[in-house]
Amino acid sequence: AYVFQSHEEDDRKVRRREKNRVAAQRSRKKQTQKADKLHEEYECLEQENTSLKREIGKLTDEMKHLSEVLKDHEKICPLLHCTMNFVTIPRPDALSSCLPR
């Protein structure tokens, strides 16, 4: 009876070790997949960040250009130099000279 019990215990140990080994493999595979997914997300965010920085640069350049255009226009704008700036309705001839053709 003792030999039979020992053989049963050995079988249980082998099955338990095999079950544990399979569970450990699953766990490691899951960790690897999670790390891969995080790496992919990181790469996407880096690309998006680079793209947004490029867009910020373009918009900053455009803002500088438009500010210069406005500053140059303010120097020659008849509406800004009119002695009657307090009038709410601008003269049509003064307004049309400010508009692009």
N, C-alpha and C. Protein backbone atom coordinates (compact mmCIF):
# COMPACT_ATOMS: atom_id res chain seq x y z
N ALA A 1 0.83 -1.19 0.00
CA ALA A 1 0.00 0.00 0.00
C ALA A 1 0.88 1.25 0.00
N TYR A 2 2.00 1.21 0.74
CA TYR A 2 2.89 2.37 0.82
C TYR A 2 3.48 2.68 -0.56
N VAL A 3 3.90 1.67 -1.31
CA VAL A 3 4.49 1.85 -2.65
C VAL A 3 3.44 2.46 -3.57
N PHE A 4 2.22 2.00 -3.49
CA PHE A 4 1.14 2.50 -4.33
C PHE A 4 0.86 3.98 -4.02
N GLN A 5 0.86 4.33 -2.71
CA GLN A 5 0.63 5.72 -2.30
C GLN A 5 1.76 6.62 -2.81
N SER A 6 2.98 6.14 -2.71
CA SER A 6 4.13 6.92 -3.16
C SER A 6 4.05 7.15 -4.67
N HIS A 7 3.65 6.12 -5.40
CA HIS A 7 3.52 6.24 -6.85
C HIS A 7 2.42 7.26 -7.20
N GLU A 8 1.30 7.25 -6.45
CA GLU A 8 0.21 8.21 -6.67
C GLU A 8 0.68 9.63 -6.38
N GLU A 9 1.44 9.80 -5.29
CA GLU A 9 1.96 11.12 -4.93
C GLU A 9 2.91 11.62 -6.01
N ASP A 10 3.74 10.73 -6.53
CA ASP A 10 4.67 11.11 -7.60
C ASP A 10 3.88 11.57 -8.83
N ASP A 11 2.84 10.83 -9.18
CA ASP A 11 2.00 11.21 -10.32
C ASP A 11 1.37 12.59 -10.10
N ARG A 12 0.85 12.80 -8.89
CA ARG A 12 0.25 14.10 -8.58
C ARG A 12 1.29 15.23 -8.70
N LYS A 13 2.49 14.96 -8.19
CA LYS A 13 3.56 15.97 -8.28
C LYS A 13 3.89 16.28 -9.73
N VAL A 14 3.98 15.24 -10.54
CA VAL A 14 4.31 15.43 -11.97
C VAL A 14 3.21 16.23 -12.65
N ARG A 15 1.95 15.86 -12.39
CA ARG A 15 0.83 16.59 -12.99
C ARG A 15 0.81 18.05 -12.51
N ARG A 16 1.04 18.26 -11.21
CA ARG A 16 1.05 19.61 -10.65
C ARG A 16 2.19 20.43 -11.26
N ARG A 17 3.36 19.83 -11.40
CA ARG A 17 4.50 20.55 -12.00
C ARG A 17 4.21 20.90 -13.47
N GLU A 18 3.61 19.95 -14.19
CA GLU A 18 3.28 20.20 -15.60
C GLU A 18 2.24 21.33 -15.70
N LYS A 19 1.23 21.27 -14.84
CA LYS A 19 0.21 22.31 -14.82
C LYS A 19 0.83 23.67 -14.49
N ASN A 20 1.74 23.68 -13.52
CA ASN A 20 2.42 24.91 -13.13
C ASN A 20 3.29 25.43 -14.27
N ARG A 21 3.98 24.53 -14.98
CA ARG A 21 4.84 24.91 -16.10
C ARG A 21 4.01 25.57 -17.21
N VAL A 22 2.87 24.95 -17.52
CA VAL A 22 2.00 25.50 -18.56
C VAL A 22 1.46 26.87 -18.14
N ALA A 23 1.06 27.00 -16.88
CA ALA A 23 0.55 28.28 -16.37
C ALA A 23 1.65 29.35 -16.43
N ALA A 24 2.88 28.98 -16.09
CA ALA A 24 4.00 29.93 -16.14
C ALA A 24 4.26 30.37 -17.58
N GLN A 25 4.19 29.43 -18.53
CA GLN A 25 4.37 29.78 -19.94
C GLN A 25 3.29 30.75 -20.40
N ARG A 26 2.04 30.47 -20.01
CA ARG A 26 0.94 31.38 -20.37
C ARG A 26 1.17 32.76 -19.78
N SER A 27 1.60 32.81 -18.55
CA SER A 27 1.84 34.09 -17.88
C SER A 27 2.95 34.88 -18.58
N ARG A 28 4.05 34.19 -18.92
CA ARG A 28 5.15 34.87 -19.62
C ARG A 28 4.72 35.35 -20.99
N LYS A 29 3.92 34.54 -21.69
CA LYS A 29 3.43 34.93 -23.02
C LYS A 29 2.54 36.16 -22.90
N LYS A 30 1.67 36.18 -21.89
CA LYS A 30 0.78 37.32 -21.66
C LYS A 30 1.58 38.58 -21.36
N GLN A 31 2.63 38.45 -20.53
CA GLN A 31 3.48 39.60 -20.21
C GLN A 31 4.18 40.12 -21.46
N THR A 32 4.66 39.21 -22.30
CA THR A 32 5.34 39.60 -23.53
C THR A 32 4.38 40.33 -24.46
N GLN A 33 3.15 39.81 -24.58
CA GLN A 33 2.16 40.46 -25.44
C GLN A 33 1.81 41.85 -24.92
N LYS A 34 1.70 41.97 -23.61
CA LYS A 34 1.40 43.27 -23.01
C LYS A 34 2.54 44.26 -23.28
N ALA A 35 3.77 43.80 -23.14
CA ALA A 35 4.93 44.66 -23.39
C ALA A 35 4.98 45.07 -24.86
N ASP A 36 4.68 44.13 -25.76
CA ASP A 36 4.66 44.44 -27.20
C ASP A 36 3.60 45.49 -27.51
N LYS A 37 2.43 45.33 -26.92
CA LYS A 37 1.34 46.28 -27.15
C LYS A 37 1.72 47.67 -26.65
N LEU A 38 2.33 47.73 -25.47
CA LEU A 38 2.77 49.02 -24.93
C LEU A 38 3.82 49.67 -25.83
N HIS A 39 4.71 48.85 -26.37
CA HIS A 39 5.75 49.38 -27.26
C HIS A 39 5.12 49.95 -28.54
N GLU A 40 4.13 49.25 -29.08
CA GLU A 40 3.44 49.75 -30.27
C GLU A 40 2.74 51.07 -29.97
N GLU A 41 2.06 51.14 -28.83
CA GLU A 41 1.39 52.38 -28.44
C GLU A 41 2.40 53.51 -28.30
N TYR A 42 3.55 53.21 -27.70
CA TYR A 42 4.61 54.19 -27.53
C TYR A 42 5.07 54.73 -28.89
N GLU A 43 5.30 53.81 -29.83
CA GLU A 43 5.75 54.22 -31.17
C GLU A 43 4.71 55.12 -31.84
N CYS A 44 3.43 54.76 -31.73
CA CYS A 44 2.36 55.58 -32.33
C CYS A 44 2.32 56.97 -31.69
N LEU A 45 2.44 57.01 -30.38
CA LEU A 45 2.41 58.30 -29.69
C LEU A 45 3.63 59.16 -30.06
N GLU A 46 4.78 58.52 -30.22
CA GLU A 46 5.97 59.27 -30.64
C GLU A 46 5.77 59.87 -32.03
N GLN A 47 5.20 59.09 -32.94
CA GLN A 47 4.94 59.60 -34.30
C GLN A 47 3.94 60.75 -34.26
N GLU A 48 2.88 60.58 -33.46
CA GLU A 48 1.88 61.63 -33.35
C GLU A 48 2.50 62.90 -32.75
N ASN A 49 3.34 62.73 -31.75
CA ASN A 49 4.01 63.86 -31.11
C ASN A 49 4.89 64.61 -32.11
N THR A 50 5.64 63.87 -32.90
CA THR A 50 6.50 64.48 -33.92
C THR A 50 5.66 65.26 -34.93
N SER A 51 4.56 64.66 -35.35
CA SER A 51 3.67 65.31 -36.31
C SER A 51 3.07 66.59 -35.72
N LEU A 52 2.65 66.53 -34.48
CA LEU A 52 2.07 67.71 -33.83
C LEU A 52 3.11 68.81 -33.65
N LYS A 53 4.34 68.44 -33.32
CA LYS A 53 5.40 69.45 -33.20
C LYS A 53 5.65 70.13 -34.54
N ARG A 54 5.63 69.33 -35.62
CA ARG A 54 5.81 69.89 -36.96
C ARG A 54 4.68 70.88 -37.27
N GLU A 55 3.45 70.48 -36.92
CA GLU A 55 2.29 71.35 -37.17
C GLU A 55 2.39 72.63 -36.35
N ILE A 56 2.84 72.53 -35.11
CA ILE A 56 3.03 73.72 -34.27
C ILE A 56 4.03 74.66 -34.93
N GLY A 57 5.11 74.11 -35.45
CA GLY A 57 6.11 74.93 -36.13
C GLY A 57 5.53 75.66 -37.33
N LYS A 58 4.75 74.94 -38.15
CA LYS A 58 4.13 75.56 -39.32
C LYS A 58 3.16 76.66 -38.91
N LEU A 59 2.34 76.37 -37.90
CA LEU A 59 1.36 77.37 -37.45
C LEU A 59 2.04 78.59 -36.83
N THR A 60 3.14 78.36 -36.12
CA THR A 60 3.90 79.47 -35.54
C THR A 60 4.46 80.35 -36.65
N ASP A 61 5.02 79.72 -37.70
CA ASP A 61 5.54 80.48 -38.84
C ASP A 61 4.42 81.27 -39.52
N GLU A 62 3.27 80.63 -39.69
CA GLU A 62 2.13 81.31 -40.32
C GLU A 62 1.67 82.50 -39.48
N MET A 63 1.63 82.32 -38.16
CA MET A 63 1.22 83.40 -37.27
C MET A 63 2.20 84.58 -37.36
N LYS A 64 3.50 84.27 -37.40
CA LYS A 64 4.50 85.34 -37.52
C LYS A 64 4.30 86.11 -38.83
N HIS A 65 4.08 85.34 -39.90
CA HIS A 65 3.89 85.96 -41.23
C HIS A 65 2.64 86.85 -41.21
N LEU A 66 1.53 86.33 -40.69
CA LEU A 66 0.29 87.10 -40.67
C LEU A 66 0.40 88.32 -39.76
N SER A 67 1.14 88.19 -38.68
CA SER A 67 1.36 89.35 -37.80
C SER A 67 2.13 90.44 -38.54
N GLU A 68 3.13 90.03 -39.31
CA GLU A 68 3.90 91.01 -40.11
C GLU A 68 3.01 91.66 -41.16
N VAL A 69 2.18 90.86 -41.82
CA VAL A 69 1.27 91.41 -42.84
C VAL A 69 0.32 92.42 -42.18
N LEU A 70 -0.21 92.08 -41.02
CA LEU A 70 -1.12 92.98 -40.31
C LEU A 70 -0.39 94.26 -39.90
N LYS A 71 0.83 94.11 -39.38
CA LYS A 71 1.59 95.29 -38.95
C LYS A 71 1.86 96.20 -40.15
N ASP A 72 2.22 95.61 -41.29
CA ASP A 72 2.46 96.42 -42.49
C ASP A 72 1.17 97.08 -42.95
N HIS A 73 0.07 96.36 -42.86
CA HIS A 73 -1.21 96.91 -43.31
C HIS A 73 -1.67 98.05 -42.39
N GLU A 74 -1.45 97.89 -41.10
CA GLU A 74 -1.88 98.93 -40.15
C GLU A 74 -1.21 100.28 -40.46
N LYS A 75 0.00 100.23 -41.02
CA LYS A 75 0.72 101.46 -41.34
C LYS A 75 0.01 102.25 -42.44
N ILE A 76 -0.65 101.54 -43.35
CA ILE A 76 -1.25 102.22 -44.50
C ILE A 76 -2.77 102.20 -44.50
N CYS A 77 -3.38 101.60 -43.50
CA CYS A 77 -4.84 101.44 -43.48
C CYS A 77 -5.52 102.79 -43.25
N PRO A 78 -6.36 103.23 -44.21
CA PRO A 78 -7.04 104.52 -44.03
C PRO A 78 -8.03 104.49 -42.88
N LEU A 79 -8.57 103.35 -42.55
CA LEU A 79 -9.54 103.28 -41.45
C LEU A 79 -8.87 103.59 -40.11
N LEU A 80 -7.65 103.16 -39.96
CA LEU A 80 -6.94 103.41 -38.70
C LEU A 80 -6.45 104.84 -38.59
N HIS A 81 -6.26 105.51 -39.75
CA HIS A 81 -5.73 106.88 -39.75
C HIS A 81 -6.84 107.91 -39.90
N CYS A 82 -8.06 107.46 -39.99
CA CYS A 82 -9.19 108.37 -40.15
C CYS A 82 -9.33 109.25 -38.89
N THR A 83 -9.60 110.52 -39.08
CA THR A 83 -9.74 111.42 -37.93
C THR A 83 -11.06 111.19 -37.21
N MET A 84 -11.96 110.44 -37.81
CA MET A 84 -13.26 110.18 -37.20
C MET A 84 -13.37 108.69 -36.86
N ASN A 85 -12.42 108.16 -36.15
CA ASN A 85 -12.42 106.75 -35.78
C ASN A 85 -13.63 106.35 -34.95
N PHE A 86 -14.22 107.30 -34.30
CA PHE A 86 -15.35 106.97 -33.43
C PHE A 86 -16.63 106.67 -34.22
N VAL A 87 -16.65 106.94 -35.51
CA VAL A 87 -17.82 106.67 -36.33
C VAL A 87 -17.94 105.16 -36.51
N THR A 88 -19.14 104.61 -36.26
CA THR A 88 -19.31 103.15 -36.29
C THR A 88 -19.47 102.62 -37.70
N ILE A 89 -19.95 103.42 -38.63
CA ILE A 89 -20.12 102.95 -40.01
C ILE A 89 -18.99 103.53 -40.85
N PRO A 90 -18.08 102.68 -41.33
CA PRO A 90 -16.97 103.21 -42.13
C PRO A 90 -17.44 103.67 -43.50
N ARG A 91 -16.67 104.58 -44.05
CA ARG A 91 -16.97 105.05 -45.40
C ARG A 91 -16.70 103.91 -46.37
N PRO A 92 -17.58 103.68 -47.33
CA PRO A 92 -17.39 102.55 -48.27
C PRO A 92 -16.10 102.68 -49.08
N ASP A 93 -15.72 103.90 -49.47
CA ASP A 93 -14.50 104.05 -50.27
C ASP A 93 -13.26 103.70 -49.44
N ALA A 94 -13.25 104.06 -48.17
CA ALA A 94 -12.11 103.75 -47.30
C ALA A 94 -12.05 102.25 -47.06
N LEU A 95 -13.19 101.65 -46.85
CA LEU A 95 -13.23 100.20 -46.59
C LEU A 95 -12.76 99.43 -47.82
N SER A 96 -13.22 99.82 -48.99
CA SER A 96 -12.86 99.06 -50.19
C SER A 96 -11.37 99.17 -50.49
N SER A 97 -10.73 100.26 -50.08
CA SER A 97 -9.30 100.36 -50.34
C SER A 97 -8.49 99.44 -49.44
N CYS A 98 -9.09 98.98 -48.32
CA CYS A 98 -8.41 98.08 -47.42
C CYS A 98 -8.57 96.61 -47.82
N LEU A 99 -9.63 96.35 -48.56
CA LEU A 99 -9.93 94.95 -48.90
C LEU A 99 -9.02 94.47 -50.03
N PRO A 100 -8.69 93.17 -50.02
CA PRO A 100 -7.87 92.63 -51.11
C PRO A 100 -8.64 92.64 -52.42
N ARG A 101 -7.93 92.80 -53.49
CA ARG A 101 -8.59 92.84 -54.82
C ARG A 101 -8.56 91.48 -55.47
